[in-house]
C-alpha atoms as a PDB file:
ATOM      1  CA  MET A   1    -197.461 114.628-182.627  1.00  0.00           C
ATOM      2  CA  LEU A   2    -193.840 113.448-182.086  1.00  0.00           C
ATOM      3  CA  ALA A   3    -192.034 112.103-185.206  1.00  0.00           C
ATOM      4  CA  ARG A   4    -193.858 109.371-187.265  1.00  0.00           C
ATOM      5  CA  GLY A   5    -197.436 108.292-187.123  1.00  0.00           C
ATOM      6  CA  VAL A   6    -200.907 109.862-187.347  1.00  0.00           C
ATOM      7  CA  VAL A   7    -203.419 110.379-184.393  1.00  0.00           C
ATOM      8  CA  THR A   8    -206.890 111.268-184.716  1.00  0.00           C
ATOM      9  CA  ALA A   9    -209.629 111.487-181.939  1.00  0.00           C
ATOM     10  CA  ALA A  10    -212.500 109.253-182.544  1.00  0.00           C
ATOM     11  CA  LEU A  11    -215.982 110.054-181.070  1.00  0.00           C
ATOM     12  CA  VAL A  12    -216.143 107.018-178.959  1.00  0.00           C
ATOM     13  CA  LEU A  13    -216.550 107.478-175.241  1.00  0.00           C
ATOM     14  CA  PHE A  14    -215.684 105.150-172.565  1.00  0.00           C
ATOM     15  CA  ALA A  15    -215.803 104.964-168.662  1.00  0.00           C
ATOM     16  CA  ALA A  16    -212.823 106.651-167.055  1.00  0.00           C
ATOM     17  CA  GLY A  17    -210.118 104.098-165.991  1.00  0.00           C
ATOM     18  CA  CYS A  18    -210.753 101.623-169.024  1.00  0.00           C
ATOM     19  CA  GLY A  19    -213.528 100.035-167.005  1.00  0.00           C
ATOM     20  CA  GLY A  20    -211.668  99.502-163.638  1.00  0.00           C
ATOM     21  CA  GLY A  21    -209.958 101.354-161.012  1.00  0.00           C
ATOM     22  CA  GLY A  22    -211.084 104.844-159.481  1.00  0.00           C
ATOM     23  CA  ALA A  23    -210.177 107.891-161.625  1.00  0.00           C
ATOM     24  CA  GLU A  24    -210.509 110.806-159.170  1.00  0.00           C
ATOM     25  CA  TRP A  25    -207.766 113.441-158.997  1.00  0.00           C
ATOM     26  CA  PRO A  26    -207.809 117.211-158.414  1.00  0.00           C
ATOM     27  CA  GLU A  27    -209.853 119.033-161.026  1.00  0.00           C
ATOM     28  CA  GLY A  28    -207.758 120.304-163.827  1.00  0.00           C
ATOM     29  CA  GLY A  29    -204.835 118.088-162.814  1.00  0.00           C
ATOM     30  CA  GLU A  30    -203.120 115.079-164.377  1.00  0.00           C
ATOM     31  CA  PRO A  31    -204.026 111.545-163.414  1.00  0.00           C
ATOM     32  CA  PRO A  32    -201.257 109.749-161.462  1.00  0.00           C
ATOM     33  CA  TRP A  33    -201.369 106.876-163.813  1.00  0.00           C
ATOM     34  CA  LEU A  34    -202.643 106.284-167.384  1.00  0.00           C
ATOM     35  CA  VAL A  35    -204.444 103.180-168.375  1.00  0.00           C
ATOM     36  CA  LEU A  36    -204.084 102.397-172.088  1.00  0.00           C
ATOM     37  CA  ARG A  37    -206.126  99.571-173.700  1.00  0.00           C
ATOM     38  CA  VAL A  38    -204.957  98.377-177.107  1.00  0.00           C
ATOM     39  CA  ASP A  39    -208.098  97.237-179.094  1.00  0.00           C
ATOM     40  CA  ALA A  40    -208.296  96.749-182.770  1.00  0.00           C
ATOM     41  CA  VAL A  41    -205.143  96.524-184.846  1.00  0.00           C
ATOM     42  CA  ASN A  42    -205.241  96.570-188.704  1.00  0.00           C
ATOM     43  CA  VAL A  43    -202.182  96.038-190.765  1.00  0.00           C
ATOM     44  CA  SER A  44    -201.588  96.281-194.701  1.00  0.00           C
ATOM     45  CA  PRO A  45    -200.979  92.900-196.489  1.00  0.00           C
ATOM     46  CA  TYR A  46    -197.641  94.042-197.692  1.00  0.00           C
ATOM     47  CA  HIS A  47    -194.539  95.804-196.784  1.00  0.00           C
ATOM     48  CA  ALA A  48    -194.904  99.729-197.100  1.00  0.00           C
ATOM     49  CA  ARG A  49    -194.966 100.791-200.821  1.00  0.00           C
ATOM     50  CA  THR A  50    -194.219  97.218-202.081  1.00  0.00           C
ATOM     51  CA  SER A  51    -196.095  94.115-203.055  1.00  0.00           C
ATOM     52  CA  ILE A  52    -193.956  92.003-200.727  1.00  0.00           C
ATOM     53  CA  PRO A  53    -195.998  90.048-198.187  1.00  0.00           C
ATOM     54  CA  TRP A  54    -194.955  89.918-194.509  1.00  0.00           C
ATOM     55  CA  ASP A  55    -194.396  86.228-194.483  1.00  0.00           C
ATOM     56  CA  GLY A  56    -194.086  83.679-197.238  1.00  0.00           C
ATOM     57  CA  ALA A  57    -196.536  81.137-198.751  1.00  0.00           C
ATOM     58  CA  VAL A  58    -195.215  78.424-196.558  1.00  0.00           C
ATOM     59  CA  PRO A  59    -196.246  78.882-193.009  1.00  0.00           C
ATOM     60  CA  GLN A  60    -193.408  80.423-190.728  1.00  0.00           C
ATOM     61  CA  PRO A  61    -192.066  78.748-187.813  1.00  0.00           C
ATOM     62  CA  THR A  62    -193.790  79.768-184.678  1.00  0.00           C
ATOM     63  CA  ASP A  63    -191.512  78.142-182.063  1.00  0.00           C
ATOM     64  CA  GLY A  64    -194.683  76.180-180.987  1.00  0.00           C
ATOM     65  CA  ALA A  65    -195.624  78.816-178.371  1.00  0.00           C
ATOM     66  CA  GLU A  66    -199.334  79.033-178.435  1.00  0.00           C
ATOM     67  CA  CYS A  67    -198.862  79.011-174.648  1.00  0.00           C
ATOM     68  CA  GLY A  68    -195.552  80.118-173.365  1.00  0.00           C
ATOM     69  CA  LEU A  69    -193.509  82.010-170.845  1.00  0.00           C
ATOM     70  CA  LEU A  70    -191.964  85.375-171.952  1.00  0.00           C
ATOM     71  CA  GLY A  71    -188.317  85.551-172.283  1.00  0.00           C
ATOM     72  CA  VAL A  72    -186.090  88.609-171.666  1.00  0.00           C
ATOM     73  CA  ALA A  73    -187.552  90.381-174.973  1.00  0.00           C
ATOM     74  CA  ILE A  74    -189.983  90.236-177.679  1.00  0.00           C
ATOM     75  CA  GLY A  75    -189.284  87.195-179.859  1.00  0.00           C
ATOM     76  CA  PHE A  76    -187.975  84.918-177.103  1.00  0.00           C
ATOM     77  CA  ILE A  77    -190.806  82.718-176.010  1.00  0.00           C
ATOM     78  CA  HIS A  78    -190.438  79.416-173.993  1.00  0.00           C
ATOM     79  CA  PRO A  79    -193.245  77.132-174.968  1.00  0.00           C
ATOM     80  CA  ILE A  80    -195.243  75.639-172.042  1.00  0.00           C
ATOM     81  CA  ALA A  81    -195.230  71.884-172.821  1.00  0.00           C
ATOM     82  CA  GLY A  82    -194.667  68.494-171.215  1.00  0.00           C
ATOM     83  CA  LYS A  83    -196.381  67.065-168.135  1.00  0.00           C
ATOM     84  CA  GLY A  84    -199.044  69.143-166.648  1.00  0.00           C
ATOM     85  CA  ALA A  85    -198.859  71.856-169.338  1.00  0.00           C
ATOM     86  CA  GLN A  86    -202.784  71.899-169.312  1.00  0.00           C
ATOM     87  CA  TYR A  87    -202.777  73.245-165.875  1.00  0.00           C
ATOM     88  CA  LEU A  88    -200.713  76.263-166.845  1.00  0.00           C
ATOM     89  CA  CYS A  89    -202.584  76.926-170.067  1.00  0.00           C
ATOM     90  CA  GLN A  90    -206.190  75.870-169.179  1.00  0.00           C
ATOM     91  CA  LEU A  91    -207.223  79.529-168.473  1.00  0.00           C
ATOM     92  CA  ASP A  92    -206.304  80.867-171.922  1.00  0.00           C
ATOM     93  CA  GLY A  93    -209.863  80.890-173.550  1.00  0.00           C
ATOM     94  CA  ARG A  94    -208.750  82.094-177.079  1.00  0.00           C
ATOM     95  CA  PRO A  95    -209.757  79.570-179.708  1.00  0.00           C
ATOM     96  CA  ARG A  96    -206.750  78.170-181.513  1.00  0.00           C
ATOM     97  CA  GLN A  97    -206.459  80.299-184.751  1.00  0.00           C
ATOM     98  CA  GLN A  98    -206.684  78.667-188.065  1.00  0.00           C
ATOM     99  CA  GLU A  99    -203.850  79.458-190.435  1.00  0.00           C
ATOM    100  CA  HIS A 100    -206.039  81.434-192.965  1.00  0.00           C
ATOM    101  CA  ASP A 101    -203.163  82.964-194.723  1.00  0.00           C
ATOM    102  CA  PRO A 102    -199.617  82.067-194.057  1.00  0.00           C
ATOM    103  CA  SER A 103    -198.421  85.361-195.601  1.00  0.00           C
ATOM    104  CA  ALA A 104    -200.159  87.313-192.908  1.00  0.00           C
ATOM    105  CA  PRO A 105    -197.924  88.463-189.952  1.00  0.00           C
ATOM    106  CA  ASP A 106    -198.027  87.290-186.403  1.00  0.00           C
ATOM    107  CA  LEU A 107    -198.953  90.496-184.621  1.00  0.00           C
ATOM    108  CA  VAL A 108    -197.604  91.848-181.241  1.00  0.00           C
ATOM    109  CA  VAL A 109    -198.105  95.326-179.883  1.00  0.00           C
ATOM    110  CA  ALA A 110    -195.280  96.784-177.708  1.00  0.00           C
ATOM    111  CA  ILE A 111    -195.214  99.874-175.604  1.00  0.00           C
ATOM    112  CA  ALA A 112    -191.917 101.394-174.363  1.00  0.00           C
ATOM    113  CA  ALA A 113    -190.237 104.566-173.180  1.00  0.00           C
ATOM    114  CA  GLY A 114    -186.866 105.261-174.654  1.00  0.00           C
ATOM    115  CA  THR A 115    -184.531 102.186-174.326  1.00  0.00           C
ATOM    116  CA  ALA A 116    -186.395 100.767-171.433  1.00  0.00           C
ATOM    117  CA  ALA A 117    -187.708  97.271-171.644  1.00  0.00           C
ATOM    118  CA  PRO A 118    -191.053  97.014-173.506  1.00  0.00           C
ATOM    119  CA  TYR A 119    -194.434  95.926-172.236  1.00  0.00           C
ATOM    120  CA  GLN A 120    -196.318  93.749-174.771  1.00  0.00           C
ATOM    121  CA  THR A 121    -199.426  91.878-175.899  1.00  0.00           C
ATOM    122  CA  TYR A 122    -199.697  88.185-176.745  1.00  0.00           C
ATOM    123  CA  THR A 123    -199.143  87.196-180.322  1.00  0.00           C
ATOM    124  CA  ALA A 124    -202.021  87.109-182.695  1.00  0.00           C
ATOM    125  CA  ARG A 125    -201.066  84.646-185.362  1.00  0.00           C
ATOM    126  CA  ASP A 126    -201.388  84.892-189.213  1.00  0.00           C
ATOM    127  CA  THR A 127    -203.750  87.849-189.248  1.00  0.00           C
ATOM    128  CA  PHE A 128    -204.009  91.275-190.682  1.00  0.00           C
ATOM    129  CA  TYR A 129    -206.552  92.314-188.131  1.00  0.00           C
ATOM    130  CA  HIS A 130    -207.054  91.523-184.378  1.00  0.00           C
ATOM    131  CA  VAL A 131    -208.777  92.912-181.384  1.00  0.00           C
ATOM    132  CA  PHE A 132    -206.368  92.400-178.311  1.00  0.00           C
ATOM    133  CA  ARG A 133    -208.133  94.269-175.428  1.00  0.00           C
ATOM    134  CA  SER A 134    -204.826  94.228-173.544  1.00  0.00           C
ATOM    135  CA  GLU A 135    -204.384  96.997-170.800  1.00  0.00           C
ATOM    136  CA  PHE A 136    -201.308  98.644-169.804  1.00  0.00           C
ATOM    137  CA  ILE A 137    -200.663 101.069-166.842  1.00  0.00           C
ATOM    138  CA  ILE A 138    -198.049 103.762-166.975  1.00  0.00           C
ATOM    139  CA  PRO A 139    -197.167 106.351-164.345  1.00  0.00           C
ATOM    140  CA  THR A 140    -197.650 109.615-165.881  1.00  0.00           C
ATOM    141  CA  ASP A 141    -194.464 111.017-164.487  1.00  0.00           C
ATOM    142  CA  ALA A 142    -192.618 108.148-166.132  1.00  0.00           C
ATOM    143  CA  ILE A 143    -193.422 109.424-169.649  1.00  0.00           C
ATOM    144  CA  PRO A 144    -190.211 111.012-171.030  1.00  0.00           C
ATOM    145  CA  ALA A 145    -189.825 114.153-172.992  1.00  0.00           C
ATOM    146  CA  ASP A 146    -189.756 112.109-176.218  1.00  0.00           C
ATOM    147  CA  GLY A 147    -193.054 110.293-175.193  1.00  0.00           C
ATOM    148  CA  LEU A 148    -194.053 106.656-175.493  1.00  0.00           C
ATOM    149  CA  SER A 149    -193.512 104.469-178.524  1.00  0.00           C
ATOM    150  CA  LEU A 150    -196.202 102.003-179.668  1.00  0.00           C
ATOM    151  CA  THR A 151    -194.768  99.552-182.083  1.00  0.00           C
ATOM    152  CA  VAL A 152    -196.515  96.757-184.056  1.00  0.00           C
ATOM    153  CA  VAL A 153    -194.295  93.912-184.979  1.00  0.00           C
ATOM    154  CA  ASP A 154    -194.397  90.628-186.894  1.00  0.00           C
ATOM    155  CA  ARG A 155    -193.100  87.981-184.311  1.00  0.00           C
ATOM    156  CA  ASP A 156    -192.023  84.910-186.308  1.00  0.00           C
ATOM    157  CA  GLY A 157    -190.390  82.141-184.242  1.00  0.00           C
ATOM    158  CA  GLY A 158    -186.704  81.799-184.351  1.00  0.00           C
ATOM    159  CA  SER A 159    -186.005  85.289-185.654  1.00  0.00           C
ATOM    160  CA  GLN A 160    -185.859  88.923-184.641  1.00  0.00           C
ATOM    161  CA  PRO A 161    -189.354  90.565-184.899  1.00  0.00           C
ATOM    162  CA  GLU A 162    -189.854  92.836-187.932  1.00  0.00           C
ATOM    163  CA  VAL A 163    -191.393  96.150-187.329  1.00  0.00           C
ATOM    164  CA  ILE A 164    -194.600  96.695-189.155  1.00  0.00           C
ATOM    165  CA  GLY A 165    -195.414 100.166-187.971  1.00  0.00           C
ATOM    166  CA  ALA A 166    -194.746 102.612-185.078  1.00  0.00           C
ATOM    167  CA  VAL A 167    -196.184 105.781-183.592  1.00  0.00           C
ATOM    168  CA  ARG A 168    -195.291 108.057-180.775  1.00  0.00           C
ATOM    169  CA  LEU A 169    -197.421 109.936-178.296  1.00  0.00           C
ATOM    170  CA  ASP A 170    -196.151 112.501-175.978  1.00  0.00           C
ATOM    171  CA  ARG A 171    -197.431 113.163-172.324  1.00  0.00           C
ATOM    172  CA  ALA A 172    -199.866 115.952-173.288  1.00  0.00           C
ATOM    173  CA  GLN A 173    -201.490 114.038-175.950  1.00  0.00           C
ATOM    174  CA  LEU A 174    -202.134 110.980-173.556  1.00  0.00           C
ATOM    175  CA  VAL A 175    -203.276 113.101-170.686  1.00  0.00           C
ATOM    176  CA  ASP A 176    -205.630 115.043-172.966  1.00  0.00           C
ATOM    177  CA  ALA A 177    -207.050 111.798-174.270  1.00  0.00           C
ATOM    178  CA  ALA A 178    -207.580 110.539-170.697  1.00  0.00           C
ATOM    179  CA  LEU A 179    -209.377 113.680-169.673  1.00  0.00           C
ATOM    180  CA  SER A 180    -211.554 113.976-172.800  1.00  0.00           C
ATOM    181  CA  SER A 181    -212.515 110.250-172.665  1.00  0.00           C
ATOM    182  CA  ALA A 182    -211.846 109.901-176.500  1.00  0.00           C
ATOM    183  CA  MET A 183    -210.347 106.913-178.182  1.00  0.00           C
ATOM    184  CA  LEU A 184    -207.334 107.512-180.252  1.00  0.00           C
ATOM    185  CA  VAL A 185    -206.990 106.141-183.765  1.00  0.00           C
ATOM    186  CA  LEU A 186    -203.377 105.747-184.763  1.00  0.00           C
ATOM    187  CA  SER A 187    -201.646 104.906-188.008  1.00  0.00           C
ATOM    188  CA  ASP A 188    -198.211 105.055-189.536  1.00  0.00           C
ATOM    189  CA  GLY A 189    -198.015 106.328-193.033  1.00  0.00           C
ATOM    190  CA  ASN A 190    -194.334 105.257-193.332  1.00  0.00           C
ATOM    191  CA  GLY A 191    -195.114 101.681-192.463  1.00  0.00           C
ATOM    192  CA  GLY A 192    -197.705  98.884-192.619  1.00  0.00           C
ATOM    193  CA  LEU A 193    -199.877 100.021-189.593  1.00  0.00           C
ATOM    194  CA  GLN A 194    -203.231 101.170-191.039  1.00  0.00           C
ATOM    195  CA  ARG A 195    -205.168 101.476-187.735  1.00  0.00           C
ATOM    196  CA  LEU A 196    -204.597 101.005-183.974  1.00  0.00           C
ATOM    197  CA  GLU A 197    -207.446 101.789-181.552  1.00  0.00           C
ATOM    198  CA  LEU A 198    -206.063 103.089-178.304  1.00  0.00           C
ATOM    199  CA  VAL A 199    -208.515 103.723-175.378  1.00  0.00           C
ATOM    200  CA  VAL A 200    -206.808 106.060-172.782  1.00  0.00           C
ATOM    201  CA  GLY A 201    -208.091 106.491-169.216  1.00  0.00           C
ATOM    202  CA  GLY A 202    -206.737 107.788-165.940  1.00  0.00           C
ATOM    203  CA  SER A 203    -206.512 106.117-162.582  1.00  0.00           C
ATOM    204  CA  ALA A 204    -205.860 107.234-158.976  1.00  0.00           C
ATOM    205  CA  LEU A 205    -206.510 103.870-157.312  1.00  0.00           C
ATOM    206  CA  PRO A 206    -203.145 102.694-155.880  1.00  0.00           C
ATOM    207  CA  SER A 207    -203.923  99.047-155.224  1.00  0.00           C
ATOM    208  CA  GLU A 208    -206.457  96.159-155.135  1.00  0.00           C
ATOM    209  CA  GLU A 209    -206.498  93.105-152.903  1.00  0.00           C
ATOM    210  CA  THR A 210    -207.960  89.665-153.234  1.00  0.00           C
ATOM    211  CA  GLY A 211    -207.586  86.078-151.640  1.00  0.00           C
ATOM    212  CA  ALA A 212    -208.017  82.574-152.807  1.00  0.00           C
ATOM    213  CA  THR A 213    -208.054  79.105-151.410  1.00  0.00           C
ATOM    214  CA  MET A 214    -207.583  76.089-153.717  1.00  0.00           C
ATOM    215  CA  ASN A 215    -207.549  72.395-153.217  1.00  0.00           C
ATOM    216  CA  THR A 216    -203.978  71.207-154.257  1.00  0.00           C
ATOM    217  CA  ARG A 217    -205.445  68.441-156.208  1.00  0.00           C
ATOM    218  CA  ASN A 218    -206.535  71.093-158.789  1.00  0.00           C
ATOM    219  CA  GLY A 219    -202.905  72.116-159.484  1.00  0.00           C
ATOM    220  CA  THR A 220    -203.751  75.761-160.398  1.00  0.00           C
ATOM    221  CA  ALA A 221    -206.738  78.070-160.080  1.00  0.00           C
ATOM    222  CA  ALA A 222    -207.751  81.428-161.381  1.00  0.00           C
ATOM    223  CA  ALA A 223    -207.603  84.227-158.944  1.00  0.00           C
ATOM    224  CA  PRO A 224    -210.889  85.887-158.328  1.00  0.00           C
ATOM    225  CA  MET A 225    -210.062  89.434-159.876  1.00  0.00           C
ATOM    226  CA  ARG A 226    -209.996  91.262-163.118  1.00  0.00           C
ATOM    227  CA  PRO A 227    -207.151  90.708-165.603  1.00  0.00           C
ATOM    228  CA  ILE A 228    -203.767  92.109-164.716  1.00  0.00           C
ATOM    229  CA  ARG A 229    -202.578  95.072-166.618  1.00  0.00           C
ATOM    230  CA  ALA A 230    -199.228  95.040-168.048  1.00  0.00           C
ATOM    231  CA  GLY A 231    -196.945  97.243-165.739  1.00  0.00           C
ATOM    232  CA  GLU A 232    -198.657  96.374-162.569  1.00  0.00           C
ATOM    233  CA  VAL A 233    -196.812  95.332-159.539  1.00  0.00           C
ATOM    234  CA  LEU A 234    -197.921  92.024-157.973  1.00  0.00           C
ATOM    235  CA  GLU A 235    -197.339  91.105-154.375  1.00  0.00           C
ATOM    236  CA  VAL A 236    -198.508  87.445-153.744  1.00  0.00           C
ATOM    237  CA  SER A 237    -198.049  85.394-150.371  1.00  0.00           C
ATOM    238  CA  ALA A 238    -198.928  81.926-149.835  1.00  0.00           C
ATOM    239  CA  ALA A 239    -199.730  79.633-146.812  1.00  0.00           C
ATOM    240  CA  GLY A 240    -201.408  76.196-146.350  1.00  0.00           C
ATOM    241  CA  ARG A 241    -200.700  72.567-145.255  1.00  0.00           C
ATOM    242  CA  TYR A 242    -200.828  69.889-147.854  1.00  0.00           C
ATOM    243  CA  LYS A 243    -199.187  66.708-149.106  1.00  0.00           C
ATOM    244  CA  VAL A 244    -197.830  66.477-152.682  1.00  0.00           C
ATOM    245  CA  GLY A 245    -197.539  62.997-154.193  1.00  0.00           C
ATOM    246  CA  SER A 246    -198.185  59.484-152.448  1.00  0.00           C
ATOM    247  CA  PHE A 247    -194.537  58.684-151.445  1.00  0.00           C
ATOM    248  CA  TYR A 248    -193.800  61.498-148.993  1.00  0.00           C
ATOM    249  CA  ASP A 249    -196.073  61.599-145.977  1.00  0.00           C
ATOM    250  CA  SER A 250    -195.094  64.681-144.285  1.00  0.00           C
ATOM    251  CA  TRP A 251    -197.275  67.826-144.545  1.00  0.00           C
ATOM    252  CA  LEU A 252    -195.748  70.642-146.619  1.00  0.00           C
ATOM    253  CA  ASP A 253    -196.171  74.356-146.858  1.00  0.00           C
ATOM    254  CA  PRO A 254    -195.623  76.722-149.926  1.00  0.00           C
ATOM    255  CA  ARG A 255    -191.809  76.431-149.448  1.00  0.00           C
ATOM    256  CA  GLY A 256    -192.121  72.917-151.007  1.00  0.00           C
ATOM    257  CA  TYR A 257    -190.127  69.773-150.402  1.00  0.00           C
ATOM    258  CA  PRO A 258    -187.144  70.256-147.981  1.00  0.00           C
ATOM    259  CA  GLY A 259    -184.067  69.882-150.081  1.00  0.00           C
ATOM    260  CA  GLY A 260    -185.994  70.263-153.361  1.00  0.00           C
ATOM    261  CA  GLY A 261    -187.546  66.984-153.573  1.00  0.00           C
ATOM    262  CA  PRO A 262    -188.656  65.042-156.851  1.00  0.00           C
ATOM    263  CA  LYS A 263    -188.174  67.950-159.307  1.00  0.00           C
ATOM    264  CA  GLY A 264    -188.878  65.720-162.150  1.00  0.00           C
ATOM    265  CA  TYR A 265    -192.665  66.225-161.345  1.00  0.00           C
ATOM    266  CA  ASN A 266    -192.232  70.035-161.482  1.00  0.00           C
ATOM    267  CA  PHE A 267    -193.685  72.058-164.319  1.00  0.00           C
ATOM    268  CA  GLU A 268    -190.908  71.877-167.005  1.00  0.00           C
ATOM    269  CA  ASN A 269    -190.559  75.550-167.571  1.00  0.00           C
ATOM    270  CA  GLU A 270    -188.358  77.943-165.568  1.00  0.00           C
ATOM    271  CA  PRO A 271    -188.602  79.305-162.989  1.00  0.00           C
ATOM    272  CA  PHE A 272    -190.697  76.157-161.908  1.00  0.00           C
ATOM    273  CA  ARG A 273    -188.388  73.414-163.120  1.00  0.00           C
ATOM    274  CA  SER A 274    -185.562  74.246-160.649  1.00  0.00           C
ATOM    275  CA  ALA A 275    -187.563  75.221-157.754  1.00  0.00           C
ATOM    276  CA  PRO A 276    -188.546  72.991-154.824  1.00  0.00           C
ATOM    277  CA  HIS A 277    -191.367  70.558-155.723  1.00  0.00           C
ATOM    278  CA  GLY A 278    -194.613  71.468-154.330  1.00  0.00           C
ATOM    279  CA  SER A 279    -193.769  75.139-153.862  1.00  0.00           C
ATOM    280  CA  GLY A 280    -196.346  77.829-154.555  1.00  0.00           C
ATOM    281  CA  LEU A 281    -196.467  79.601-157.749  1.00  0.00           C
ATOM    282  CA  VAL A 282    -198.093  82.498-159.623  1.00  0.00           C
ATOM    283  CA  MET A 283    -198.495  83.280-163.328  1.00  0.00           C
ATOM    284  CA  VAL A 284    -199.803  86.222-165.284  1.00  0.00           C
ATOM    285  CA  GLY A 285    -200.616  86.524-168.991  1.00  0.00           C
ATOM    286  CA  LYS A 286    -202.426  85.267-171.933  1.00  0.00           C
ATOM    287  CA  GLY A 287    -201.623  82.884-174.990  1.00  0.00           C
ATOM    288  CA  ASP A 288    -197.831  82.865-175.620  1.00  0.00           C
ATOM    289  CA  ALA A 289    -197.023  85.885-173.223  1.00  0.00           C
ATOM    290  CA  LYS A 290    -197.005  84.803-169.648  1.00  0.00           C
ATOM    291  CA  ILE A 291    -194.777  85.537-166.667  1.00  0.00           C
ATOM    292  CA  GLY A 292    -194.324  83.131-163.849  1.00  0.00           C
ATOM    293  CA  MET A 293    -192.844  83.187-160.312  1.00  0.00           C
ATOM    294  CA  ILE A 294    -192.332  80.925-157.467  1.00  0.00           C
ATOM    295  CA  VAL A 295    -194.173  81.889-154.308  1.00  0.00           C
ATOM    296  CA  ALA A 296    -192.206  80.313-151.477  1.00  0.00           C
ATOM    297  CA  PRO A 297    -193.873  81.873-149.453  1.00  0.00           C
ATOM    298  CA  CYS A 298    -194.015  85.340-151.146  1.00  0.00           C
ATOM    299  CA  ALA A 299    -193.231  86.979-154.493  1.00  0.00           C
ATOM    300  CA  ARG A 300    -193.174  90.577-155.705  1.00  0.00           C
ATOM    301  CA  PHE A 301    -192.679  91.279-159.373  1.00  0.00           C
ATOM    302  CA  MET A 302    -193.537  93.590-162.341  1.00  0.00           C
ATOM    303  CA  SER A 303    -195.821  92.143-164.940  1.00  0.00           C
ATOM    304  CA  ARG A 304    -194.705  93.046-168.406  1.00  0.00           C
ATOM    305  CA  VAL A 305    -197.807  91.453-169.944  1.00  0.00           C
ATOM    306  CA  ALA A 306    -201.575  91.627-169.321  1.00  0.00           C
ATOM    307  CA  GLY A 307    -204.015  88.825-168.669  1.00  0.00           C
ATOM    308  CA  PRO A 308    -205.510  86.441-166.148  1.00  0.00           C
ATOM    309  CA  LEU A 309    -203.835  85.667-162.805  1.00  0.00           C
ATOM    310  CA  VAL A 310    -203.240  82.067-162.140  1.00  0.00           C
ATOM    311  CA  LEU A 311    -202.148  80.718-158.611  1.00  0.00           C
ATOM    312  CA  GLY A 312    -201.038  77.195-157.915  1.00  0.00           C
ATOM    313  CA  ILE A 313    -198.673  74.507-156.606  1.00  0.00           C
ATOM    314  CA  ASN A 314    -195.453  73.396-158.496  1.00  0.00           C
ATOM    315  CA  ASP A 315    -196.627  69.979-159.369  1.00  0.00           C
ATOM    316  CA  SER A 316    -197.383  68.585-162.891  1.00  0.00           C
ATOM    317  CA  GLU A 317    -199.405  65.625-161.614  1.00  0.00           C
ATOM    318  CA  PRO A 318    -201.606  67.041-158.805  1.00  0.00           C
ATOM    319  CA  GLU A 319    -204.371  64.443-158.998  1.00  0.00           C
ATOM    320  CA  ASN A 320    -202.904  62.643-155.843  1.00  0.00           C
ATOM    321  CA  ASN A 321    -202.291  65.600-153.499  1.00  0.00           C
ATOM    322  CA  GLU A 322    -204.065  66.303-150.350  1.00  0.00           C
ATOM    323  CA  GLY A 323    -204.741  69.549-148.486  1.00  0.00           C
ATOM    324  CA  SER A 324    -205.140  73.175-149.428  1.00  0.00           C
ATOM    325  CA  ALA A 325    -203.168  76.497-150.127  1.00  0.00           C
ATOM    326  CA  GLN A 326    -204.299  79.844-149.343  1.00  0.00           C
ATOM    327  CA  PHE A 327    -203.074  82.897-151.378  1.00  0.00           C
ATOM    328  CA  ALA A 328    -203.148  86.667-150.773  1.00  0.00           C
ATOM    329  CA  VAL A 329    -202.778  88.940-153.702  1.00  0.00           C
ATOM    330  CA  ARG A 330    -202.126  92.669-153.803  1.00  0.00           C
ATOM    331  CA  VAL A 331    -201.973  94.424-157.185  1.00  0.00           C
ATOM    332  CA  ARG A 332    -200.734  97.861-157.117  1.00  0.00           C
ATOM    333  CA  ALA A 333    -199.837 100.614-159.665  1.00  0.00           C
ATOM    334  CA  PRO A 334    -196.059 101.046-160.170  1.00  0.00           C
ATOM    335  CA  SER A 335    -193.825 103.895-159.273  1.00  0.00           C
ATOM    336  CA  ALA A 336    -192.201 105.748-162.171  1.00  0.00           C
ATOM    337  CA  ALA A 337    -188.769 104.071-161.189  1.00  0.00           C
ATOM    338  CA  GLU A 338    -190.276 100.586-161.224  1.00  0.00           C
ATOM    339  CA  TRP A 339    -192.105 100.988-164.511  1.00  0.00           C
ATOM    340  CA  LEU A 340    -188.969 102.450-166.283  1.00  0.00           C
ATOM    341  CA  GLY A 341    -187.018  99.618-164.810  1.00  0.00           C
ATOM    342  CA  ALA A 342    -189.548  96.951-165.604  1.00  0.00           C
ATOM    343  CA  ARG A 343    -188.751  95.445-162.186  1.00  0.00           C
ATOM    344  CA  ALA A 344    -189.920  95.584-158.540  1.00  0.00           C
ATOM    345  CA  GLU A 345    -187.847  94.788-155.484  1.00  0.00           C
ATOM    346  CA  PRO A 346    -188.218  91.161-154.128  1.00  0.00           C
ATOM    347  CA  CYS A 347    -190.421  90.635-151.073  1.00  0.00           C
ATOM    348  CA  ALA A 348    -188.672  90.450-147.596  1.00  0.00           C
ATOM    349  CA  GLY A 349    -189.156  86.599-147.499  1.00  0.00           C
ATOM    350  CA  ARG A 350    -187.133  85.987-150.695  1.00  0.00           C
END
């Protein structure tokens, strides 16, 4: 064990690769990538060794981001709102949480290496216990000498997240867990993290591909594939012939309106708001943690969050559209440099 936190191996077996992706590599060797799934998280009602609750009796501001696009760091969420918001949020199947106890924290789990940008879950609001089932992929060679940190924070809107508890795992511990098919149960005796269930698997499958065709009247559509893992690189290309709106008679492609068009009908969040009207788009994530990109006609990016993959057209009022768009998607495991830098090179068409 490195530094703070406690790790025990629970006798819970699972399929290699956390339920997806091949897990074949030379016998006795390390898997090229590790797949970590954050399951149940349980925290104490109070700050460590005190009777002070995490939040006050009055509900904390949540910045309204029940569905939002991720900013540059944990704690900066841009709520998805305004015209057409339902098209970007419709695939989030979580029921809206009731505020059972406003003193309970708003839980987020982040995974990071050193000072590199963290990869994170969505926010579970006003709760001491939550099952995330969020998956992360990490190149084994990207794990530094001081290991990976897993941090549970209380993310209240409008303020810096407060650390509830943290643990650290080194490369050997993670590889051993992947090879033994054991679930790790983590806790932080110096903080408020009582239990974090971490399922660790290995993967040797470098990429997966899928395609989808959507009627542009639908606005957005779910890609026919498993949820994306935080840390995966997405390469998306779009084609098609369609009309967007009733005032412009020319047929468009995923580059959108020449000159930008009527951007007042775009989705209101960046990067969509300033992009050409009718351009292609892609979005990954769940709840308040989503990442979006313009596909005009291609995009390549690193996802720092996990969740469903959504494809669509940048139009907040798509009911009067005509035609279809086709998307080709390749999801691949990251290189160590990509994962540590939390970015991938743009596609050749950008």
